[in-house]
Amino acid sequence: LLLGAASNVFARYFHRPGALIREPGIILLVPGSIGFRTLSFVFERDVMLSIDTGITLVTLLVALVAGLLFGDLLVPPRRKL
């Protein structure tokens, strides 16, 4: 939420694309280690633990997308695409 709102404030104030702030922030927030752990459990044939971490991974990804969408509601983007 804060990342999406901050990138839109940056875009409005400096007249630059909001992606300059949004994209590096998303790279830092993406749960890559949990995805790696999920695949590691799959290759170890630990099905229940891999399903559990996979659900955690999907939940985190949905939370990231929802945060960006609500950040756009909080501070509207400079222009619509």
PDB file of N, CA and C in Angstrom:
ATOM      1  N   LEU A   1       0.833  -1.184   0.000  1.00  0.00           N
ATOM      2  CA  LEU A   1       0.000   0.000   0.000  1.00  0.00           C
ATOM      3  C   LEU A   1       0.879   1.249   0.000  1.00  0.00           C
ATOM      4  N   LEU A   2       1.847   1.279   0.890  1.00  0.00           N
ATOM      5  CA  LEU A   2       2.723   2.449   0.979  1.00  0.00           C
ATOM      6  C   LEU A   2       3.592   2.602  -0.258  1.00  0.00           C
ATOM      7  N   LEU A   3       4.024   1.493  -0.814  1.00  0.00           N
ATOM      8  CA  LEU A   3       4.846   1.554  -2.024  1.00  0.00           C
ATOM      9  C   LEU A   3       4.058   2.120  -3.196  1.00  0.00           C
ATOM     10  N   GLY A   4       2.834   1.673  -3.379  1.00  0.00           N
ATOM     11  CA  GLY A   4       2.002   2.185  -4.472  1.00  0.00           C
ATOM     12  C   GLY A   4       1.673   3.648  -4.294  1.00  0.00           C
ATOM     13  N   ALA A   5       1.335   4.046  -3.074  1.00  0.00           N
ATOM     14  CA  ALA A   5       1.020   5.450  -2.816  1.00  0.00           C
ATOM     15  C   ALA A   5       2.263   6.326  -2.975  1.00  0.00           C
ATOM     16  N   ALA A   6       3.405   5.864  -2.474  1.00  0.00           N
ATOM     17  CA  ALA A   6       4.638   6.653  -2.584  1.00  0.00           C
ATOM     18  C   ALA A   6       5.075   6.814  -4.037  1.00  0.00           C
ATOM     19  N   SER A   7       4.902   5.777  -4.837  1.00  0.00           N
ATOM     20  CA  SER A   7       5.298   5.896  -6.244  1.00  0.00           C
ATOM     21  C   SER A   7       4.389   6.872  -6.987  1.00  0.00           C
ATOM     22  N   ASN A   8       3.107   6.912  -6.631  1.00  0.00           N
ATOM     23  CA  ASN A   8       2.202   7.865  -7.271  1.00  0.00           C
ATOM     24  C   ASN A   8       2.474   9.293  -6.816  1.00  0.00           C
ATOM     25  N   VAL A   9       2.831   9.479  -5.549  1.00  0.00           N
ATOM     26  CA  VAL A   9       3.216  10.815  -5.071  1.00  0.00           C
ATOM     27  C   VAL A   9       4.485  11.269  -5.778  1.00  0.00           C
ATOM     28  N   PHE A  10       5.452  10.367  -5.922  1.00  0.00           N
ATOM     29  CA  PHE A  10       6.685  10.688  -6.639  1.00  0.00           C
ATOM     30  C   PHE A  10       6.387  11.086  -8.077  1.00  0.00           C
ATOM     31  N   ALA A  11       5.507  10.348  -8.725  1.00  0.00           N
ATOM     32  CA  ALA A  11       5.175  10.625 -10.128  1.00  0.00           C
ATOM     33  C   ALA A  11       4.505  11.993 -10.265  1.00  0.00           C
ATOM     34  N   ARG A  12       3.644  12.333  -9.343  1.00  0.00           N
ATOM     35  CA  ARG A  12       2.967  13.631  -9.409  1.00  0.00           C
ATOM     36  C   ARG A  12       3.918  14.786  -9.092  1.00  0.00           C
ATOM     37  N   TYR A  13       4.756  14.625  -8.098  1.00  0.00           N
ATOM     38  CA  TYR A  13       5.616  15.722  -7.652  1.00  0.00           C
ATOM     39  C   TYR A  13       6.762  15.995  -8.623  1.00  0.00           C
ATOM     40  N   PHE A  14       7.409  14.949  -9.110  1.00  0.00           N
ATOM     41  CA  PHE A  14       8.594  15.110  -9.967  1.00  0.00           C
ATOM     42  C   PHE A  14       8.291  14.985 -11.453  1.00  0.00           C
ATOM     43  N   HIS A  15       7.040  14.709 -11.829  1.00  0.00           N
ATOM     44  CA  HIS A  15       6.645  14.540 -13.235  1.00  0.00           C
ATOM     45  C   HIS A  15       7.485  13.477 -13.935  1.00  0.00           C
ATOM     46  N   ARG A  16       7.684  12.389 -13.245  1.00  0.00           N
ATOM     47  CA  ARG A  16       8.409  11.220 -13.768  1.00  0.00           C
ATOM     48  C   ARG A  16       7.499  10.003 -13.633  1.00  0.00           C
ATOM     49  N   PRO A  17       7.821   8.925 -14.315  1.00  0.00           N
ATOM     50  CA  PRO A  17       6.992   7.709 -14.161  1.00  0.00           C
ATOM     51  C   PRO A  17       7.076   7.141 -12.745  1.00  0.00           C
ATOM     52  N   GLY A  18       5.957   6.696 -12.239  1.00  0.00           N
ATOM     53  CA  GLY A  18       5.932   6.094 -10.909  1.00  0.00           C
ATOM     54  C   GLY A  18       6.647   4.763 -10.847  1.00  0.00           C
ATOM     55  N   ALA A  19       6.880   4.166 -11.995  1.00  0.00           N
ATOM     56  CA  ALA A  19       7.577   2.874 -12.041  1.00  0.00           C
ATOM     57  C   ALA A  19       9.023   2.980 -11.569  1.00  0.00           C
ATOM     58  N   LEU A  20       9.581   4.191 -11.558  1.00  0.00           N
ATOM     59  CA  LEU A  20      10.951   4.357 -11.068  1.00  0.00           C
ATOM     60  C   LEU A  20      11.060   3.999  -9.587  1.00  0.00           C
ATOM     61  N   ILE A  21       9.993   4.167  -8.856  1.00  0.00           N
ATOM     62  CA  ILE A  21       9.975   3.801  -7.443  1.00  0.00           C
ATOM     63  C   ILE A  21       9.313   2.441  -7.246  1.00  0.00           C
ATOM     64  N   ARG A  22       8.267   2.180  -8.007  1.00  0.00           N
ATOM     65  CA  ARG A  22       7.462   0.975  -7.804  1.00  0.00           C
ATOM     66  C   ARG A  22       8.227  -0.302  -8.139  1.00  0.00           C
ATOM     67  N   GLU A  23       8.930  -0.336  -9.252  1.00  0.00           N
ATOM     68  CA  GLU A  23       9.572  -1.584  -9.696  1.00  0.00           C
ATOM     69  C   GLU A  23      10.695  -2.047  -8.767  1.00  0.00           C
ATOM     70  N   PRO A  24      11.631  -1.187  -8.358  1.00  0.00           N
ATOM     71  CA  PRO A  24      12.635  -1.676  -7.394  1.00  0.00           C
ATOM     72  C   PRO A  24      12.021  -2.095  -6.062  1.00  0.00           C
ATOM     73  N   GLY A  25      10.949  -1.413  -5.658  1.00  0.00           N
ATOM     74  CA  GLY A  25      10.284  -1.793  -4.415  1.00  0.00           C
ATOM     75  C   GLY A  25       9.624  -3.149  -4.503  1.00  0.00           C
ATOM     76  N   ILE A  26       9.019  -3.447  -5.643  1.00  0.00           N
ATOM     77  CA  ILE A  26       8.389  -4.755  -5.834  1.00  0.00           C
ATOM     78  C   ILE A  26       9.448  -5.852  -5.839  1.00  0.00           C
ATOM     79  N   ILE A  27      10.588  -5.580  -6.432  1.00  0.00           N
ATOM     80  CA  ILE A  27      11.657  -6.582  -6.455  1.00  0.00           C
ATOM     81  C   ILE A  27      12.085  -6.930  -5.034  1.00  0.00           C
ATOM     82  N   LEU A  28      12.118  -5.920  -4.159  1.00  0.00           N
ATOM     83  CA  LEU A  28      12.504  -6.185  -2.771  1.00  0.00           C
ATOM     84  C   LEU A  28      11.407  -6.913  -1.994  1.00  0.00           C
ATOM     85  N   LEU A  29      10.151  -6.736  -2.386  1.00  0.00           N
ATOM     86  CA  LEU A  29       9.047  -7.336  -1.633  1.00  0.00           C
ATOM     87  C   LEU A  29       8.647  -8.726  -2.104  1.00  0.00           C
ATOM     88  N   VAL A  30       9.051  -9.144  -3.289  1.00  0.00           N
ATOM     89  CA  VAL A  30       8.639 -10.445  -3.829  1.00  0.00           C
ATOM     90  C   VAL A  30       9.235 -11.565  -2.980  1.00  0.00           C
ATOM     91  N   PRO A  31       8.404 -12.508  -2.559  1.00  0.00           N
ATOM     92  CA  PRO A  31       8.874 -13.578  -1.669  1.00  0.00           C
ATOM     93  C   PRO A  31       9.553 -14.716  -2.431  1.00  0.00           C
ATOM     94  N   GLY A  32      10.709 -14.471  -2.976  1.00  0.00           N
ATOM     95  CA  GLY A  32      11.418 -15.485  -3.760  1.00  0.00           C
ATOM     96  C   GLY A  32      11.912 -16.646  -2.925  1.00  0.00           C
ATOM     97  N   SER A  33      12.291 -16.373  -1.687  1.00  0.00           N
ATOM     98  CA  SER A  33      12.807 -17.458  -0.849  1.00  0.00           C
ATOM     99  C   SER A  33      11.702 -18.466  -0.515  1.00  0.00           C
ATOM    100  N   ILE A  34      10.468 -17.987  -0.374  1.00  0.00           N
ATOM    101  CA  ILE A  34       9.370 -18.918  -0.083  1.00  0.00           C
ATOM    102  C   ILE A  34       9.064 -19.774  -1.304  1.00  0.00           C
ATOM    103  N   GLY A  35       9.154 -19.183  -2.501  1.00  0.00           N
ATOM    104  CA  GLY A  35       8.983 -19.966  -3.722  1.00  0.00           C
ATOM    105  C   GLY A  35      10.062 -21.016  -3.875  1.00  0.00           C
ATOM    106  N   PHE A  36      11.297 -20.636  -3.538  1.00  0.00           N
ATOM    107  CA  PHE A  36      12.397 -21.597  -3.596  1.00  0.00           C
ATOM    108  C   PHE A  36      12.182 -22.719  -2.590  1.00  0.00           C
ATOM    109  N   ARG A  37      11.728 -22.370  -1.389  1.00  0.00           N
ATOM    110  CA  ARG A  37      11.464 -23.376  -0.373  1.00  0.00           C
ATOM    111  C   ARG A  37      10.343 -24.323  -0.807  1.00  0.00           C
ATOM    112  N   THR A  38       9.320 -23.776  -1.475  1.00  0.00           N
ATOM    113  CA  THR A  38       8.223 -24.620  -1.967  1.00  0.00           C
ATOM    114  C   THR A  38       8.739 -25.653  -2.961  1.00  0.00           C
ATOM    115  N   LEU A  39       9.542 -25.192  -3.923  1.00  0.00           N
ATOM    116  CA  LEU A  39      10.107 -26.138  -4.895  1.00  0.00           C
ATOM    117  C   LEU A  39      11.058 -27.129  -4.237  1.00  0.00           C
ATOM    118  N   SER A  40      11.790 -26.680  -3.238  1.00  0.00           N
ATOM    119  CA  SER A  40      12.688 -27.586  -2.528  1.00  0.00           C
ATOM    120  C   SER A  40      11.910 -28.698  -1.832  1.00  0.00           C
ATOM    121  N   PHE A  41      10.785 -28.341  -1.213  1.00  0.00           N
ATOM    122  CA  PHE A  41       9.962 -29.364  -0.562  1.00  0.00           C
ATOM    123  C   PHE A  41       9.330 -30.308  -1.583  1.00  0.00           C
ATOM    124  N   VAL A  42       8.987 -29.791  -2.755  1.00  0.00           N
ATOM    125  CA  VAL A  42       8.427 -30.653  -3.807  1.00  0.00           C
ATOM    126  C   VAL A  42       9.465 -31.669  -4.260  1.00  0.00           C
ATOM    127  N   PHE A  43      10.697 -31.211  -4.449  1.00  0.00           N
ATOM    128  CA  PHE A  43      11.750 -32.123  -4.896  1.00  0.00           C
ATOM    129  C   PHE A  43      12.151 -33.119  -3.811  1.00  0.00           C
ATOM    130  N   GLU A  44      11.916 -32.755  -2.539  1.00  0.00           N
ATOM    131  CA  GLU A  44      12.180 -33.691  -1.444  1.00  0.00           C
ATOM    132  C   GLU A  44      11.011 -34.641  -1.219  1.00  0.00           C
ATOM    133  N   ARG A  45       9.938 -34.459  -1.983  1.00  0.00           N
ATOM    134  CA  ARG A  45       8.718 -35.276  -1.922  1.00  0.00           C
ATOM    135  C   ARG A  45       8.004 -35.144  -0.582  1.00  0.00           C
ATOM    136  N   ASP A  46       8.068 -33.966   0.003  1.00  0.00           N
ATOM    137  CA  ASP A  46       7.313 -33.669   1.214  1.00  0.00           C
ATOM    138  C   ASP A  46       6.082 -32.875   0.782  1.00  0.00           C
ATOM    139  N   VAL A  47       5.030 -33.598   0.438  1.00  0.00           N
ATOM    140  CA  VAL A  47       3.872 -33.013  -0.221  1.00  0.00           C
ATOM    141  C   VAL A  47       3.134 -32.039   0.678  1.00  0.00           C
ATOM    142  N   MET A  48       2.852 -32.409   1.906  1.00  0.00           N
ATOM    143  CA  MET A  48       2.062 -31.553   2.779  1.00  0.00           C
ATOM    144  C   MET A  48       2.784 -30.242   3.094  1.00  0.00           C
ATOM    145  N   LEU A  49       4.062 -30.296   3.337  1.00  0.00           N
ATOM    146  CA  LEU A  49       4.820 -29.082   3.621  1.00  0.00           C
ATOM    147  C   LEU A  49       4.939 -28.207   2.379  1.00  0.00           C
ATOM    148  N   SER A  50       5.051 -28.817   1.206  1.00  0.00           N
ATOM    149  CA  SER A  50       5.126 -28.029  -0.030  1.00  0.00           C
ATOM    150  C   SER A  50       3.788 -27.352  -0.329  1.00  0.00           C
ATOM    151  N   ILE A  51       2.682 -28.020  -0.050  1.00  0.00           N
ATOM    152  CA  ILE A  51       1.367 -27.395  -0.246  1.00  0.00           C
ATOM    153  C   ILE A  51       1.192 -26.238   0.726  1.00  0.00           C
ATOM    154  N   ASP A  52       1.626 -26.430   1.963  1.00  0.00           N
ATOM    155  CA  ASP A  52       1.502 -25.376   2.971  1.00  0.00           C
ATOM    156  C   ASP A  52       2.321 -24.143   2.591  1.00  0.00           C
ATOM    157  N   THR A  53       3.552 -24.320   2.173  1.00  0.00           N
ATOM    158  CA  THR A  53       4.363 -23.162   1.778  1.00  0.00           C
ATOM    159  C   THR A  53       3.880 -22.575   0.465  1.00  0.00           C
ATOM    160  N   GLY A  54       3.315 -23.392  -0.416  1.00  0.00           N
ATOM    161  CA  GLY A  54       2.751 -22.875  -1.663  1.00  0.00           C
ATOM    162  C   GLY A  54       1.548 -21.977  -1.404  1.00  0.00           C
ATOM    163  N   ILE A  55       0.711 -22.363  -0.448  1.00  0.00           N
ATOM    164  CA  ILE A  55      -0.436 -21.520  -0.088  1.00  0.00           C
ATOM    165  C   ILE A  55       0.055 -20.221   0.536  1.00  0.00           C
ATOM    166  N   THR A  56       1.090 -20.286   1.348  1.00  0.00           N
ATOM    167  CA  THR A  56       1.677 -19.073   1.925  1.00  0.00           C
ATOM    168  C   THR A  56       2.217 -18.166   0.828  1.00  0.00           C
ATOM    169  N   LEU A  57       2.854 -18.743  -0.174  1.00  0.00           N
ATOM    170  CA  LEU A  57       3.395 -17.972  -1.293  1.00  0.00           C
ATOM    171  C   LEU A  57       2.278 -17.274  -2.062  1.00  0.00           C
ATOM    172  N   VAL A  58       1.214 -17.980  -2.372  1.00  0.00           N
ATOM    173  CA  VAL A  58       0.100 -17.381  -3.105  1.00  0.00           C
ATOM    174  C   VAL A  58      -0.552 -16.270  -2.278  1.00  0.00           C
ATOM    175  N   THR A  59      -0.680 -16.485  -0.975  1.00  0.00           N
ATOM    176  CA  THR A  59      -1.253 -15.464  -0.096  1.00  0.00           C
ATOM    177  C   THR A  59      -0.406 -14.202  -0.100  1.00  0.00           C
ATOM    178  N   LEU A  60       0.899 -14.351  -0.042  1.00  0.00           N
ATOM    179  CA  LEU A  60       1.788 -13.183  -0.063  1.00  0.00           C
ATOM    180  C   LEU A  60       1.718 -12.451  -1.403  1.00  0.00           C
ATOM    181  N   LEU A  61       1.636 -13.186  -2.488  1.00  0.00           N
ATOM    182  CA  LEU A  61       1.551 -12.544  -3.802  1.00  0.00           C
ATOM    183  C   LEU A  61       0.235 -11.795  -3.977  1.00  0.00           C
ATOM    184  N   VAL A  62      -0.857 -12.366  -3.488  1.00  0.00           N
ATOM    185  CA  VAL A  62      -2.151 -11.684  -3.558  1.00  0.00           C
ATOM    186  C   VAL A  62      -2.125 -10.424  -2.695  1.00  0.00           C
ATOM    187  N   ALA A  63      -1.470 -10.487  -1.545  1.00  0.00           N
ATOM    188  CA  ALA A  63      -1.363  -9.317  -0.678  1.00  0.00           C
ATOM    189  C   ALA A  63      -0.562  -8.212  -1.344  1.00  0.00           C
ATOM    190  N   LEU A  64       0.494  -8.564  -2.093  1.00  0.00           N
ATOM    191  CA  LEU A  64       1.276  -7.557  -2.815  1.00  0.00           C
ATOM    192  C   LEU A  64       0.436  -6.857  -3.882  1.00  0.00           C
ATOM    193  N   VAL A  65      -0.300  -7.633  -4.644  1.00  0.00           N
ATOM    194  CA  VAL A  65      -1.130  -7.056  -5.703  1.00  0.00           C
ATOM    195  C   VAL A  65      -2.240  -6.197  -5.105  1.00  0.00           C
ATOM    196  N   ALA A  66      -2.870  -6.674  -4.044  1.00  0.00           N
ATOM    197  CA  ALA A  66      -3.928  -5.892  -3.398  1.00  0.00           C
ATOM    198  C   ALA A  66      -3.370  -4.598  -2.817  1.00  0.00           C
ATOM    199  N   GLY A  67      -2.175  -4.644  -2.263  1.00  0.00           N
ATOM    200  CA  GLY A  67      -1.556  -3.435  -1.732  1.00  0.00           C
ATOM    201  C   GLY A  67      -1.286  -2.408  -2.814  1.00  0.00           C
ATOM    202  N   LEU A  68      -0.839  -2.855  -3.970  1.00  0.00           N
ATOM    203  CA  LEU A  68      -0.618  -1.919  -5.076  1.00  0.00           C
ATOM    204  C   LEU A  68      -1.927  -1.326  -5.576  1.00  0.00           C
ATOM    205  N   LEU A  69      -2.963  -2.143  -5.658  1.00  0.00           N
ATOM    206  CA  LEU A  69      -4.255  -1.630  -6.116  1.00  0.00           C
ATOM    207  C   LEU A  69      -4.844  -0.631  -5.119  1.00  0.00           C
ATOM    208  N   PHE A  70      -4.748  -0.920  -3.829  1.00  0.00           N
ATOM    209  CA  PHE A  70      -5.253   0.007  -2.830  1.00  0.00           C
ATOM    210  C   PHE A  70      -4.386   1.257  -2.730  1.00  0.00           C
ATOM    211  N   GLY A  71      -3.087   1.135  -3.030  1.00  0.00           N
ATOM    212  CA  GLY A  71      -2.230   2.315  -3.091  1.00  0.00           C
ATOM    213  C   GLY A  71      -2.639   3.246  -4.215  1.00  0.00           C
ATOM    214  N   ASP A  72      -3.097   2.675  -5.336  1.00  0.00           N
ATOM    215  CA  ASP A  72      -3.600   3.497  -6.436  1.00  0.00           C
ATOM    216  C   ASP A  72      -4.926   4.161  -6.075  1.00  0.00           C
ATOM    217  N   LEU A  73      -5.696   3.538  -5.206  1.00  0.00           N
ATOM    218  CA  LEU A  73      -6.929   4.168  -4.731  1.00  0.00           C
ATOM    219  C   LEU A  73      -6.638   5.299  -3.745  1.00  0.00           C
ATOM    220  N   LEU A  74      -5.615   5.107  -2.935  1.00  0.00           N
ATOM    221  CA  LEU A  74      -5.253   6.115  -1.940  1.00  0.00           C
ATOM    222  C   LEU A  74      -4.725   7.383  -2.586  1.00  0.00           C
ATOM    223  N   VAL A  75      -3.768   7.224  -3.510  1.00  0.00           N
ATOM    224  CA  VAL A  75      -3.235   8.346  -4.295  1.00  0.00           C
ATOM    225  C   VAL A  75      -3.370   7.959  -5.760  1.00  0.00           C
ATOM    226  N   PRO A  76      -4.307   8.544  -6.487  1.00  0.00           N
ATOM    227  CA  PRO A  76      -4.503   8.148  -7.891  1.00  0.00           C
ATOM    228  C   PRO A  76      -3.254   8.424  -8.726  1.00  0.00           C
ATOM    229  N   PRO A  77      -3.013   7.578  -9.734  1.00  0.00           N
ATOM    230  CA  PRO A  77      -1.854   7.800 -10.592  1.00  0.00           C
ATOM    231  C   PRO A  77      -1.991   9.115 -11.380  1.00  0.00           C
ATOM    232  N   ARG A  78      -0.858   9.580 -11.886  1.00  0.00           N
ATOM    233  CA  ARG A  78      -0.831  10.846 -12.604  1.00  0.00           C
ATOM    234  C   ARG A  78      -1.711  10.800 -13.840  1.00  0.00           C
ATOM    235  N   ARG A  79      -1.675   9.692 -14.542  1.00  0.00           N
ATOM    236  CA  ARG A  79      -2.531   9.510 -15.726  1.00  0.00           C
ATOM    237  C   ARG A  79      -2.913   8.052 -15.833  1.00  0.00           C
ATOM    238  N   LYS A  80      -4.035   7.814 -16.403  1.00  0.00           N
ATOM    239  CA  LYS A  80      -4.532   6.446 -16.583  1.00  0.00           C
ATOM    240  C   LYS A  80      -3.905   5.853 -17.817  1.00  0.00           C
ATOM    241  N   LEU A  81      -3.667   4.546 -17.794  1.00  0.00           N
ATOM    242  CA  LEU A  81      -3.104   3.858 -18.970  1.00  0.00           C
ATOM    243  C   LEU A  81      -4.200   3.306 -19.829  1.00  0.00           C
TER     244      LEU A  81
END
